[in-house]
Amino acid sequence: MRVVINRLLSGKAGKPLWFLLSCLPAVWLVFAALSDQLGANPAEALVRSSGDWTLRALCVVLAVTPARTVLGIPALARLRRMAGLFVYFYGLLHLLAYAWFDMGFEVADIAKDIAKRPFILVGFTAFVLLTPLALTSFNRAIKALGGKRWQMLHRVVYAVAGLALLHFFWMRAGKNNFAEVAVYALIVGVLLVLRLQRRLQPALRAYFATAVAGGTGK
């Protein structure tokens, strides 16, 4: 199965297929809004749904490297940057939905609201941190920054994940709905541990090799 998936993602159809799948939630939200399927409060539904899809897209990005190594699907690596751009896309939709439906695009009121309400400040901070990641998700930017600096910059995604979870927690806390928060926190936590384990593995191997060699020398 993984061989088939790897071949599919490695081929010419891989990126267009990933693009179409990533667009489906946005297409559904537009369709649902136009066909009056978003319930009694469509504006709130759009704001919340776009935020939910931002968090889901972020989980997908964090899952790319663990899935690539654990499941043995190296072709996922070529789709990681596109997946990251879709996190920004859905984050932008979430911000625009809030600015439009909640605040009527009144810039002064938006600024006051961000400063006044911590959960909005946290969400906005996460979006601000995402912006340089989106702007540098291109080959020219990688060449200009250099591989190491580019990788260091894109580790900001860990901070974004923490802020996104905190934003989501505060949003659900108002209605004492913590079940979804716990699920997303568990998913993000596991993915971050897997990524951290992969990053620390070479250092741990070197440490234990040195310790064994030292013990043998004695």
N, C-alpha and C. Protein backbone atom coordinates (compact mmCIF):
# COMPACT_ATOMS: atom_id res chain seq x y z
N MET A 1 0.82 -1.21 0.00
CA MET A 1 0.00 0.00 0.00
C MET A 1 0.86 1.26 0.00
N ARG A 2 1.89 1.27 0.87
CA ARG A 2 2.72 2.45 0.95
C ARG A 2 3.51 2.67 -0.34
N VAL A 3 3.84 1.56 -1.04
CA VAL A 3 4.54 1.69 -2.32
C VAL A 3 3.65 2.40 -3.34
N VAL A 4 2.36 2.04 -3.34
CA VAL A 4 1.39 2.67 -4.26
C VAL A 4 1.25 4.15 -3.93
N ILE A 5 1.12 4.47 -2.63
CA ILE A 5 0.98 5.87 -2.20
C ILE A 5 2.22 6.66 -2.58
N ASN A 6 3.38 6.06 -2.35
CA ASN A 6 4.64 6.74 -2.66
C ASN A 6 4.76 7.03 -4.15
N ARG A 7 4.39 6.06 -4.98
CA ARG A 7 4.44 6.26 -6.44
C ARG A 7 3.46 7.34 -6.88
N LEU A 8 2.27 7.32 -6.29
CA LEU A 8 1.25 8.31 -6.64
C LEU A 8 1.71 9.72 -6.30
N LEU A 9 2.26 9.88 -5.11
CA LEU A 9 2.71 11.20 -4.67
C LEU A 9 3.98 11.64 -5.38
N SER A 10 4.79 10.70 -5.83
CA SER A 10 6.02 11.03 -6.53
C SER A 10 5.78 11.43 -7.98
N GLY A 11 4.66 11.00 -8.54
CA GLY A 11 4.37 11.27 -9.95
C GLY A 11 3.89 12.69 -10.20
N LYS A 12 3.61 12.97 -11.45
CA LYS A 12 3.16 14.31 -11.84
C LYS A 12 1.82 14.68 -11.21
N ALA A 13 1.02 13.66 -10.92
CA ALA A 13 -0.30 13.94 -10.36
C ALA A 13 -0.26 14.20 -8.85
N GLY A 14 0.91 13.96 -8.21
CA GLY A 14 1.00 14.06 -6.76
C GLY A 14 0.64 15.44 -6.22
N LYS A 15 1.32 16.46 -6.74
CA LYS A 15 1.08 17.82 -6.23
C LYS A 15 -0.32 18.35 -6.59
N PRO A 16 -0.80 18.17 -7.84
CA PRO A 16 -2.18 18.61 -8.14
C PRO A 16 -3.22 17.90 -7.27
N LEU A 17 -3.01 16.61 -6.99
CA LEU A 17 -3.95 15.87 -6.16
C LEU A 17 -3.95 16.42 -4.74
N TRP A 18 -2.75 16.67 -4.18
CA TRP A 18 -2.63 17.25 -2.84
C TRP A 18 -3.29 18.62 -2.79
N PHE A 19 -3.09 19.42 -3.84
CA PHE A 19 -3.68 20.76 -3.92
C PHE A 19 -5.21 20.67 -3.89
N LEU A 20 -5.77 19.78 -4.70
CA LEU A 20 -7.23 19.64 -4.77
C LEU A 20 -7.80 19.17 -3.44
N LEU A 21 -7.15 18.20 -2.82
CA LEU A 21 -7.62 17.70 -1.52
C LEU A 21 -7.57 18.80 -0.46
N SER A 22 -6.52 19.61 -0.50
CA SER A 22 -6.36 20.69 0.47
C SER A 22 -7.39 21.80 0.26
N CYS A 23 -7.87 21.94 -0.97
CA CYS A 23 -8.87 22.98 -1.27
C CYS A 23 -10.29 22.57 -0.89
N LEU A 24 -10.52 21.27 -0.72
CA LEU A 24 -11.89 20.78 -0.51
C LEU A 24 -12.60 21.43 0.68
N PRO A 25 -11.94 21.60 1.86
CA PRO A 25 -12.65 22.25 2.97
C PRO A 25 -13.11 23.67 2.63
N ALA A 26 -12.27 24.43 1.93
CA ALA A 26 -12.65 25.80 1.56
C ALA A 26 -13.81 25.78 0.57
N VAL A 27 -13.77 24.86 -0.38
CA VAL A 27 -14.85 24.73 -1.36
C VAL A 27 -16.16 24.39 -0.66
N TRP A 28 -16.06 23.46 0.32
CA TRP A 28 -17.26 23.08 1.06
C TRP A 28 -17.83 24.26 1.85
N LEU A 29 -16.96 25.05 2.49
CA LEU A 29 -17.44 26.19 3.27
C LEU A 29 -18.15 27.21 2.38
N VAL A 30 -17.60 27.46 1.20
CA VAL A 30 -18.24 28.39 0.26
C VAL A 30 -19.58 27.84 -0.19
N PHE A 31 -19.61 26.56 -0.55
CA PHE A 31 -20.86 25.93 -0.99
C PHE A 31 -21.91 25.96 0.13
N ALA A 32 -21.48 25.61 1.34
CA ALA A 32 -22.40 25.58 2.48
C ALA A 32 -22.95 26.97 2.78
N ALA A 33 -22.11 27.99 2.63
CA ALA A 33 -22.56 29.36 2.87
C ALA A 33 -23.58 29.79 1.81
N LEU A 34 -23.31 29.46 0.55
CA LEU A 34 -24.20 29.86 -0.55
C LEU A 34 -25.52 29.09 -0.53
N SER A 35 -25.49 27.86 0.00
CA SER A 35 -26.70 27.03 0.01
C SER A 35 -27.38 27.02 1.37
N ASP A 36 -26.95 27.93 2.25
CA ASP A 36 -27.58 28.10 3.56
C ASP A 36 -27.57 26.81 4.38
N GLN A 37 -26.38 26.21 4.49
CA GLN A 37 -26.24 24.97 5.24
C GLN A 37 -25.34 25.13 6.46
N LEU A 38 -25.15 26.36 6.93
CA LEU A 38 -24.24 26.60 8.04
C LEU A 38 -24.96 26.85 9.37
N GLY A 39 -26.26 26.53 9.40
CA GLY A 39 -27.01 26.66 10.64
C GLY A 39 -27.58 28.04 10.87
N ALA A 40 -28.00 28.26 12.12
CA ALA A 40 -28.69 29.51 12.47
C ALA A 40 -27.77 30.72 12.45
N ASN A 41 -26.47 30.50 12.69
CA ASN A 41 -25.51 31.60 12.72
C ASN A 41 -24.36 31.28 11.74
N PRO A 42 -24.58 31.52 10.44
CA PRO A 42 -23.57 31.16 9.44
C PRO A 42 -22.25 31.90 9.61
N ALA A 43 -22.32 33.16 10.08
CA ALA A 43 -21.09 33.93 10.26
C ALA A 43 -20.19 33.27 11.31
N GLU A 44 -20.78 32.90 12.45
CA GLU A 44 -20.01 32.24 13.50
C GLU A 44 -19.49 30.89 13.01
N ALA A 45 -20.32 30.18 12.23
CA ALA A 45 -19.91 28.88 11.71
C ALA A 45 -18.70 29.02 10.79
N LEU A 46 -18.67 30.06 9.97
CA LEU A 46 -17.54 30.28 9.07
C LEU A 46 -16.27 30.62 9.85
N VAL A 47 -16.40 31.46 10.86
CA VAL A 47 -15.24 31.83 11.67
C VAL A 47 -14.67 30.59 12.37
N ARG A 48 -15.55 29.83 13.00
CA ARG A 48 -15.09 28.65 13.75
C ARG A 48 -14.57 27.55 12.82
N SER A 49 -15.26 27.31 11.72
CA SER A 49 -14.85 26.24 10.81
C SER A 49 -13.51 26.54 10.16
N SER A 50 -13.29 27.80 9.76
CA SER A 50 -12.01 28.16 9.15
C SER A 50 -10.88 28.02 10.17
N GLY A 51 -11.17 28.32 11.44
CA GLY A 51 -10.17 28.13 12.49
C GLY A 51 -9.87 26.66 12.73
N ASP A 52 -10.93 25.84 12.72
CA ASP A 52 -10.74 24.39 12.90
C ASP A 52 -9.87 23.82 11.77
N TRP A 53 -10.12 24.25 10.55
CA TRP A 53 -9.36 23.73 9.41
C TRP A 53 -7.92 24.23 9.42
N THR A 54 -7.71 25.40 9.99
CA THR A 54 -6.32 25.87 10.16
C THR A 54 -5.55 24.94 11.09
N LEU A 55 -6.17 24.58 12.20
CA LEU A 55 -5.53 23.68 13.16
C LEU A 55 -5.32 22.29 12.56
N ARG A 56 -6.29 21.82 11.79
CA ARG A 56 -6.14 20.51 11.15
C ARG A 56 -5.01 20.54 10.12
N ALA A 57 -4.94 21.61 9.35
CA ALA A 57 -3.86 21.73 8.36
C ALA A 57 -2.50 21.79 9.05
N LEU A 58 -2.44 22.44 10.21
CA LEU A 58 -1.20 22.50 10.98
C LEU A 58 -0.79 21.10 11.45
N CYS A 59 -1.77 20.31 11.87
CA CYS A 59 -1.49 18.93 12.28
C CYS A 59 -0.94 18.12 11.10
N VAL A 60 -1.49 18.36 9.92
CA VAL A 60 -1.00 17.66 8.71
C VAL A 60 0.46 18.00 8.46
N VAL A 61 0.80 19.29 8.57
CA VAL A 61 2.20 19.71 8.35
C VAL A 61 3.13 19.04 9.35
N LEU A 62 2.72 19.04 10.62
CA LEU A 62 3.55 18.42 11.65
C LEU A 62 3.67 16.90 11.46
N ALA A 63 2.67 16.32 10.78
CA ALA A 63 2.67 14.86 10.58
C ALA A 63 3.50 14.43 9.39
N VAL A 64 3.87 15.35 8.50
CA VAL A 64 4.56 14.97 7.26
C VAL A 64 5.87 14.24 7.55
N THR A 65 6.73 14.83 8.36
CA THR A 65 8.03 14.21 8.63
C THR A 65 7.90 12.87 9.37
N PRO A 66 7.12 12.77 10.46
CA PRO A 66 6.95 11.47 11.10
C PRO A 66 6.37 10.42 10.16
N ALA A 67 5.37 10.80 9.35
CA ALA A 67 4.77 9.85 8.41
C ALA A 67 5.77 9.41 7.36
N ARG A 68 6.60 10.36 6.94
CA ARG A 68 7.60 10.05 5.92
C ARG A 68 8.61 9.02 6.43
N THR A 69 9.02 9.17 7.69
CA THR A 69 10.05 8.28 8.24
C THR A 69 9.46 6.99 8.82
N VAL A 70 8.39 7.12 9.58
CA VAL A 70 7.81 5.95 10.25
C VAL A 70 7.09 5.04 9.26
N LEU A 71 6.30 5.64 8.35
CA LEU A 71 5.54 4.84 7.39
C LEU A 71 6.32 4.51 6.13
N GLY A 72 7.48 5.14 5.97
CA GLY A 72 8.29 4.86 4.79
C GLY A 72 7.70 5.41 3.51
N ILE A 73 7.25 6.69 3.55
CA ILE A 73 6.69 7.33 2.35
C ILE A 73 7.50 8.60 2.09
N PRO A 74 8.70 8.48 1.52
CA PRO A 74 9.57 9.65 1.31
C PRO A 74 8.98 10.72 0.40
N ALA A 75 8.04 10.34 -0.46
CA ALA A 75 7.45 11.31 -1.40
C ALA A 75 6.68 12.42 -0.69
N LEU A 76 6.32 12.19 0.57
CA LEU A 76 5.60 13.22 1.33
C LEU A 76 6.43 14.49 1.50
N ALA A 77 7.75 14.34 1.48
CA ALA A 77 8.64 15.49 1.69
C ALA A 77 8.42 16.57 0.63
N ARG A 78 8.13 16.17 -0.61
CA ARG A 78 7.96 17.16 -1.68
C ARG A 78 6.65 17.92 -1.58
N LEU A 79 5.77 17.48 -0.68
CA LEU A 79 4.47 18.13 -0.51
C LEU A 79 4.41 18.98 0.76
N ARG A 80 5.50 18.97 1.54
CA ARG A 80 5.48 19.64 2.84
C ARG A 80 5.28 21.15 2.72
N ARG A 81 5.97 21.78 1.77
CA ARG A 81 5.85 23.24 1.64
C ARG A 81 4.45 23.66 1.21
N MET A 82 3.86 22.87 0.30
CA MET A 82 2.49 23.18 -0.10
C MET A 82 1.54 23.04 1.07
N ALA A 83 1.75 22.01 1.88
CA ALA A 83 0.92 21.80 3.07
C ALA A 83 1.05 22.98 4.02
N GLY A 84 2.27 23.50 4.17
CA GLY A 84 2.49 24.67 5.02
C GLY A 84 1.78 25.90 4.51
N LEU A 85 1.76 26.07 3.20
CA LEU A 85 1.08 27.23 2.62
C LEU A 85 -0.43 27.14 2.84
N PHE A 86 -0.95 25.92 2.88
CA PHE A 86 -2.39 25.78 3.14
C PHE A 86 -2.73 26.08 4.60
N VAL A 87 -1.78 25.86 5.51
CA VAL A 87 -2.00 26.31 6.90
C VAL A 87 -2.19 27.83 6.91
N TYR A 88 -1.33 28.51 6.18
CA TYR A 88 -1.44 29.98 6.12
C TYR A 88 -2.73 30.40 5.43
N PHE A 89 -3.09 29.69 4.37
CA PHE A 89 -4.31 30.01 3.63
C PHE A 89 -5.54 29.93 4.53
N TYR A 90 -5.65 28.83 5.28
CA TYR A 90 -6.82 28.68 6.16
C TYR A 90 -6.74 29.63 7.35
N GLY A 91 -5.52 29.92 7.81
CA GLY A 91 -5.37 30.92 8.86
C GLY A 91 -5.80 32.30 8.39
N LEU A 92 -5.48 32.62 7.14
CA LEU A 92 -5.90 33.90 6.56
C LEU A 92 -7.42 33.95 6.41
N LEU A 93 -8.03 32.84 5.97
CA LEU A 93 -9.49 32.79 5.89
C LEU A 93 -10.13 33.02 7.26
N HIS A 94 -9.54 32.40 8.28
CA HIS A 94 -10.04 32.55 9.65
C HIS A 94 -9.96 34.00 10.10
N LEU A 95 -8.83 34.63 9.83
CA LEU A 95 -8.64 36.04 10.21
C LEU A 95 -9.61 36.94 9.45
N LEU A 96 -9.76 36.71 8.15
CA LEU A 96 -10.67 37.52 7.34
C LEU A 96 -12.12 37.34 7.76
N ALA A 97 -12.50 36.09 8.09
CA ALA A 97 -13.87 35.84 8.54
C ALA A 97 -14.16 36.59 9.83
N TYR A 98 -13.20 36.56 10.76
CA TYR A 98 -13.34 37.31 12.02
C TYR A 98 -13.42 38.81 11.75
N ALA A 99 -12.50 39.31 10.91
CA ALA A 99 -12.45 40.75 10.64
C ALA A 99 -13.71 41.24 9.93
N TRP A 100 -14.28 40.39 9.10
CA TRP A 100 -15.46 40.77 8.32
C TRP A 100 -16.75 40.60 9.12
N PHE A 101 -17.00 39.37 9.57
CA PHE A 101 -18.29 39.06 10.18
C PHE A 101 -18.40 39.57 11.61
N ASP A 102 -17.31 39.54 12.36
CA ASP A 102 -17.36 39.99 13.76
C ASP A 102 -17.11 41.48 13.91
N MET A 103 -16.22 42.03 13.05
CA MET A 103 -15.77 43.40 13.26
C MET A 103 -16.09 44.34 12.10
N GLY A 104 -16.68 43.83 11.03
CA GLY A 104 -17.05 44.70 9.91
C GLY A 104 -15.88 45.41 9.25
N PHE A 105 -14.69 44.82 9.33
CA PHE A 105 -13.47 45.40 8.76
C PHE A 105 -13.14 46.77 9.33
N GLU A 106 -13.56 47.04 10.55
CA GLU A 106 -13.20 48.28 11.23
C GLU A 106 -11.83 48.09 11.88
N VAL A 107 -10.80 48.66 11.27
CA VAL A 107 -9.43 48.41 11.70
C VAL A 107 -9.20 48.83 13.15
N ALA A 108 -9.71 49.98 13.52
CA ALA A 108 -9.52 50.48 14.89
C ALA A 108 -10.17 49.54 15.91
N ASP A 109 -11.37 49.06 15.58
CA ASP A 109 -12.06 48.14 16.49
C ASP A 109 -11.34 46.78 16.56
N ILE A 110 -10.80 46.34 15.44
CA ILE A 110 -10.05 45.09 15.41
C ILE A 110 -8.82 45.19 16.30
N ALA A 111 -8.10 46.31 16.18
CA ALA A 111 -6.89 46.52 16.99
C ALA A 111 -7.23 46.53 18.48
N LYS A 112 -8.34 47.21 18.85
CA LYS A 112 -8.76 47.24 20.26
C LYS A 112 -9.14 45.85 20.74
N ASP A 113 -9.83 45.11 19.89
CA ASP A 113 -10.29 43.76 20.26
C ASP A 113 -9.11 42.82 20.47
N ILE A 114 -8.11 42.93 19.61
CA ILE A 114 -6.91 42.09 19.74
C ILE A 114 -6.19 42.39 21.05
N ALA A 115 -6.10 43.68 21.38
CA ALA A 115 -5.41 44.07 22.61
C ALA A 115 -6.21 43.70 23.86
N LYS A 116 -7.54 43.69 23.73
CA LYS A 116 -8.41 43.49 24.89
C LYS A 116 -8.62 42.01 25.22
N ARG A 117 -8.71 41.16 24.19
CA ARG A 117 -9.06 39.75 24.42
C ARG A 117 -7.85 38.85 24.17
N PRO A 118 -7.34 38.22 25.24
CA PRO A 118 -6.10 37.41 25.14
C PRO A 118 -6.17 36.31 24.09
N PHE A 119 -7.32 35.63 23.95
CA PHE A 119 -7.36 34.50 23.03
C PHE A 119 -7.24 34.97 21.58
N ILE A 120 -7.73 36.19 21.30
CA ILE A 120 -7.57 36.75 19.95
C ILE A 120 -6.13 37.22 19.75
N LEU A 121 -5.54 37.78 20.78
CA LEU A 121 -4.13 38.20 20.70
C LEU A 121 -3.23 37.00 20.41
N VAL A 122 -3.49 35.88 21.09
CA VAL A 122 -2.70 34.67 20.88
C VAL A 122 -2.87 34.15 19.46
N GLY A 123 -4.11 34.12 18.97
CA GLY A 123 -4.36 33.66 17.61
C GLY A 123 -3.72 34.57 16.57
N PHE A 124 -3.80 35.87 16.80
CA PHE A 124 -3.20 36.82 15.86
C PHE A 124 -1.68 36.70 15.87
N THR A 125 -1.10 36.48 17.05
CA THR A 125 0.34 36.29 17.15
C THR A 125 0.79 35.06 16.36
N ALA A 126 0.00 33.98 16.46
CA ALA A 126 0.30 32.77 15.69
C ALA A 126 0.27 33.06 14.19
N PHE A 127 -0.70 33.85 13.75
CA PHE A 127 -0.79 34.19 12.33
C PHE A 127 0.40 35.04 11.90
N VAL A 128 0.79 36.00 12.73
CA VAL A 128 1.96 36.85 12.43
C VAL A 128 3.21 35.99 12.29
N LEU A 129 3.38 35.02 13.18
CA LEU A 129 4.55 34.14 13.12
C LEU A 129 4.51 33.24 11.88
N LEU A 130 3.31 32.91 11.43
CA LEU A 130 3.17 32.09 10.22
C LEU A 130 3.56 32.84 8.95
N THR A 131 3.40 34.17 8.98
CA THR A 131 3.60 34.97 7.77
C THR A 131 5.01 34.83 7.18
N PRO A 132 6.09 34.99 7.97
CA PRO A 132 7.42 34.81 7.37
C PRO A 132 7.67 33.39 6.89
N LEU A 133 7.01 32.41 7.50
CA LEU A 133 7.16 31.03 7.04
C LEU A 133 6.54 30.87 5.65
N ALA A 134 5.37 31.48 5.46
CA ALA A 134 4.72 31.41 4.16
C ALA A 134 5.51 32.17 3.10
N LEU A 135 6.06 33.30 3.48
CA LEU A 135 6.80 34.14 2.52
C LEU A 135 8.13 33.52 2.12
N THR A 136 8.65 32.59 2.92
CA THR A 136 9.94 31.97 2.60
C THR A 136 9.78 30.50 2.18
N SER A 137 8.57 30.12 1.78
CA SER A 137 8.34 28.73 1.35
C SER A 137 8.58 28.56 -0.15
N PHE A 138 9.59 29.21 -0.65
CA PHE A 138 9.90 29.14 -2.07
C PHE A 138 11.40 28.94 -2.25
N ASN A 139 11.79 28.35 -3.38
CA ASN A 139 13.20 28.01 -3.61
C ASN A 139 14.11 29.24 -3.54
N ARG A 140 13.67 30.37 -4.09
CA ARG A 140 14.51 31.57 -4.06
C ARG A 140 14.77 32.03 -2.63
N ALA A 141 13.75 31.94 -1.80
CA ALA A 141 13.90 32.35 -0.40
C ALA A 141 14.87 31.42 0.33
N ILE A 142 14.77 30.13 0.03
CA ILE A 142 15.66 29.16 0.67
C ILE A 142 17.11 29.44 0.27
N LYS A 143 17.34 29.73 -1.02
CA LYS A 143 18.68 30.05 -1.49
C LYS A 143 19.20 31.33 -0.86
N ALA A 144 18.32 32.33 -0.75
CA ALA A 144 18.73 33.62 -0.19
C ALA A 144 19.09 33.50 1.29
N LEU A 145 18.30 32.72 2.03
CA LEU A 145 18.54 32.57 3.47
C LEU A 145 19.66 31.57 3.77
N GLY A 146 19.79 30.58 2.90
CA GLY A 146 20.71 29.48 3.21
C GLY A 146 19.97 28.39 3.95
N GLY A 147 20.33 27.15 3.72
CA GLY A 147 19.59 26.02 4.28
C GLY A 147 19.44 26.05 5.79
N LYS A 148 20.55 26.33 6.51
CA LYS A 148 20.51 26.30 7.98
C LYS A 148 19.62 27.39 8.56
N ARG A 149 19.78 28.61 8.02
CA ARG A 149 18.95 29.71 8.53
C ARG A 149 17.48 29.49 8.20
N TRP A 150 17.23 28.92 7.02
CA TRP A 150 15.85 28.63 6.61
C TRP A 150 15.23 27.61 7.57
N GLN A 151 15.98 26.57 7.91
CA GLN A 151 15.48 25.56 8.83
C GLN A 151 15.23 26.14 10.21
N MET A 152 16.14 27.00 10.67
CA MET A 152 15.96 27.63 11.99
C MET A 152 14.70 28.49 12.00
N LEU A 153 14.48 29.24 10.92
CA LEU A 153 13.29 30.09 10.84
C LEU A 153 12.03 29.25 10.88
N HIS A 154 12.02 28.15 10.15
CA HIS A 154 10.81 27.34 10.05
C HIS A 154 10.55 26.47 11.28
N ARG A 155 11.47 26.48 12.23
CA ARG A 155 11.19 25.82 13.51
C ARG A 155 10.21 26.64 14.35
N VAL A 156 9.94 27.86 13.91
CA VAL A 156 8.92 28.68 14.57
C VAL A 156 7.56 27.98 14.55
N VAL A 157 7.41 27.00 13.64
CA VAL A 157 6.14 26.28 13.55
C VAL A 157 5.79 25.62 14.89
N TYR A 158 6.80 25.27 15.69
CA TYR A 158 6.52 24.68 17.01
C TYR A 158 5.82 25.70 17.92
N ALA A 159 6.30 26.94 17.88
CA ALA A 159 5.66 28.01 18.67
C ALA A 159 4.25 28.28 18.15
N VAL A 160 4.11 28.24 16.83
CA VAL A 160 2.78 28.46 16.22
C VAL A 160 1.81 27.38 16.70
N ALA A 161 2.28 26.14 16.75
CA ALA A 161 1.42 25.03 17.20
C ALA A 161 0.96 25.25 18.64
N GLY A 162 1.87 25.68 19.51
CA GLY A 162 1.51 25.94 20.90
C GLY A 162 0.50 27.08 21.03
N LEU A 163 0.73 28.15 20.29
CA LEU A 163 -0.19 29.30 20.33
C LEU A 163 -1.55 28.94 19.75
N ALA A 164 -1.56 28.15 18.67
CA ALA A 164 -2.82 27.74 18.05
C ALA A 164 -3.65 26.89 19.02
N LEU A 165 -2.98 26.00 19.74
CA LEU A 165 -3.69 25.19 20.74
C LEU A 165 -4.25 26.04 21.87
N LEU A 166 -3.46 27.01 22.31
CA LEU A 166 -3.92 27.91 23.39
C LEU A 166 -5.12 28.73 22.92
N HIS A 167 -5.05 29.23 21.69
CA HIS A 167 -6.17 29.98 21.09
C HIS A 167 -7.42 29.11 21.04
N PHE A 168 -7.26 27.86 20.60
CA PHE A 168 -8.38 26.93 20.49
C PHE A 168 -8.95 26.61 21.87
N PHE A 169 -8.05 26.43 22.85
CA PHE A 169 -8.48 26.13 24.22
C PHE A 169 -9.34 27.25 24.78
N TRP A 170 -8.88 28.50 24.62
CA TRP A 170 -9.64 29.63 25.15
C TRP A 170 -10.99 29.80 24.45
N MET A 171 -11.02 29.48 23.15
CA MET A 171 -12.29 29.58 22.43
C MET A 171 -13.30 28.56 22.96
N ARG A 172 -12.83 27.34 23.23
CA ARG A 172 -13.74 26.29 23.71
C ARG A 172 -14.03 26.42 25.20
N ALA A 173 -13.16 27.10 25.94
CA ALA A 173 -13.33 27.22 27.40
C ALA A 173 -14.62 27.95 27.74
N GLY A 174 -15.03 28.89 26.88
CA GLY A 174 -16.25 29.65 27.14
C GLY A 174 -17.48 28.77 27.24
N LYS A 175 -17.46 27.63 26.55
CA LYS A 175 -18.60 26.71 26.57
C LYS A 175 -18.26 25.40 27.30
N ASN A 176 -17.15 25.41 28.04
CA ASN A 176 -16.70 24.22 28.77
C ASN A 176 -16.62 22.98 27.89
N ASN A 177 -16.16 23.19 26.65
CA ASN A 177 -16.04 22.09 25.70
C ASN A 177 -14.55 21.81 25.48
N PHE A 178 -14.04 20.84 26.26
CA PHE A 178 -12.61 20.58 26.22
C PHE A 178 -12.25 19.26 25.51
N ALA A 179 -13.26 18.53 25.06
CA ALA A 179 -13.00 17.23 24.43
C ALA A 179 -12.15 17.38 23.17
N GLU A 180 -12.58 18.30 22.29
CA GLU A 180 -11.82 18.52 21.05
C GLU A 180 -10.43 19.06 21.34
N VAL A 181 -10.35 19.93 22.32
CA VAL A 181 -9.04 20.50 22.69
C VAL A 181 -8.09 19.39 23.10
N ALA A 182 -8.58 18.46 23.91
CA ALA A 182 -7.74 17.35 24.37
C ALA A 182 -7.27 16.49 23.19
N VAL A 183 -8.15 16.26 22.23
CA VAL A 183 -7.79 15.45 21.06
C VAL A 183 -6.67 16.12 20.26
N TYR A 184 -6.86 17.41 19.97
CA TYR A 184 -5.84 18.14 19.20
C TYR A 184 -4.54 18.26 19.97
N ALA A 185 -4.64 18.48 21.28
CA ALA A 185 -3.43 18.59 22.10
C ALA A 185 -2.65 17.28 22.09
N LEU A 186 -3.38 16.15 22.15
CA LEU A 186 -2.73 14.84 22.11
C LEU A 186 -2.05 14.62 20.76
N ILE A 187 -2.75 14.96 19.67
CA ILE A 187 -2.19 14.78 18.32
C ILE A 187 -0.93 15.62 18.16
N VAL A 188 -1.03 16.90 18.49
CA VAL A 188 0.12 17.80 18.34
C VAL A 188 1.26 17.35 19.25
N GLY A 189 0.93 16.95 20.48
CA GLY A 189 1.97 16.50 21.42
C GLY A 189 2.72 15.29 20.89
N VAL A 190 2.00 14.30 20.39
CA VAL A 190 2.64 13.09 19.85
C VAL A 190 3.51 13.44 18.65
N LEU A 191 3.00 14.29 17.76
CA LEU A 191 3.76 14.66 16.56
C LEU A 191 5.03 15.43 16.92
N LEU A 192 4.93 16.31 17.91
CA LEU A 192 6.11 17.06 18.32
C LEU A 192 7.15 16.16 18.98
N VAL A 193 6.69 15.19 19.77
CA VAL A 193 7.62 14.24 20.40
C VAL A 193 8.33 13.41 19.33
N LEU A 194 7.60 12.97 18.32
CA LEU A 194 8.20 12.19 17.24
C LEU A 194 9.24 13.00 16.48
N ARG A 195 8.91 14.27 16.23
CA ARG A 195 9.86 15.13 15.52
C ARG A 195 11.09 15.41 16.38
N LEU A 196 10.86 15.65 17.67
CA LEU A 196 11.98 15.91 18.59
C LEU A 196 12.87 14.67 18.72
N GLN A 197 12.23 13.50 18.80
CA GLN A 197 12.99 12.25 18.91
C GLN A 197 13.88 12.06 17.68
N ARG A 198 13.33 12.34 16.50
CA ARG A 198 14.10 12.20 15.26
C ARG A 198 15.27 13.18 15.24
N ARG A 199 15.04 14.39 15.76
CA ARG A 199 16.09 15.40 15.74
C ARG A 199 17.20 15.09 16.74
N LEU A 200 16.82 14.46 17.86
CA LEU A 200 17.80 14.17 18.90
C LEU A 200 18.51 12.82 18.73
N GLN A 201 17.99 11.98 17.83
CA GLN A 201 18.55 10.63 17.67
C GLN A 201 20.04 10.61 17.38
N PRO A 202 20.54 11.42 16.41
CA PRO A 202 21.99 11.39 16.13
C PRO A 202 22.83 11.75 17.36
N ALA A 203 22.38 12.77 18.11
CA ALA A 203 23.13 13.19 19.31
C ALA A 203 23.12 12.09 20.36
N LEU A 204 21.96 11.43 20.53
CA LEU A 204 21.87 10.36 21.53
C LEU A 204 22.74 9.17 21.14
N ARG A 205 22.74 8.84 19.84
CA ARG A 205 23.58 7.73 19.37
C ARG A 205 25.05 8.03 19.61
N ALA A 206 25.44 9.27 19.30
CA ALA A 206 26.84 9.67 19.50
C ALA A 206 27.20 9.61 20.98
N TYR A 207 26.28 10.06 21.83
CA TYR A 207 26.53 10.05 23.28
C TYR A 207 26.72 8.63 23.80
N PHE A 208 25.80 7.72 23.40
CA PHE A 208 25.89 6.35 23.89
C PHE A 208 27.10 5.63 23.30
N ALA A 209 27.45 5.95 22.05
CA ALA A 209 28.65 5.35 21.43
C ALA A 209 29.89 5.77 22.18
N THR A 210 29.95 7.05 22.56
CA THR A 210 31.10 7.57 23.32
C THR A 210 31.16 6.93 24.70
N ALA A 211 29.96 6.79 25.33
CA ALA A 211 29.92 6.19 26.67
C ALA A 211 30.35 4.73 26.64
N VAL A 212 29.90 3.99 25.62
CA VAL A 212 30.29 2.59 25.49
C VAL A 212 31.78 2.45 25.22
N ALA A 213 32.28 3.34 24.31
CA ALA A 213 33.71 3.29 23.99
C ALA A 213 34.55 3.61 25.22
N GLY A 214 34.09 4.61 26.01
CA GLY A 214 34.81 4.98 27.22
C GLY A 214 34.82 3.84 28.24
N GLY A 215 33.63 3.16 28.35
CA GLY A 215 33.55 2.04 29.29
C GLY A 215 34.43 0.89 28.86
N THR A 216 34.50 0.66 27.57
CA THR A 216 35.35 -0.43 27.05
C THR A 216 36.82 -0.13 27.28
N GLY A 217 37.17 1.17 27.11
CA GLY A 217 38.56 1.59 27.29
C GLY A 217 39.06 1.35 28.69
N LYS A 218 38.17 1.50 29.65
CA LYS A 218 38.56 1.27 31.05
C LYS A 218 38.81 -0.21 31.31
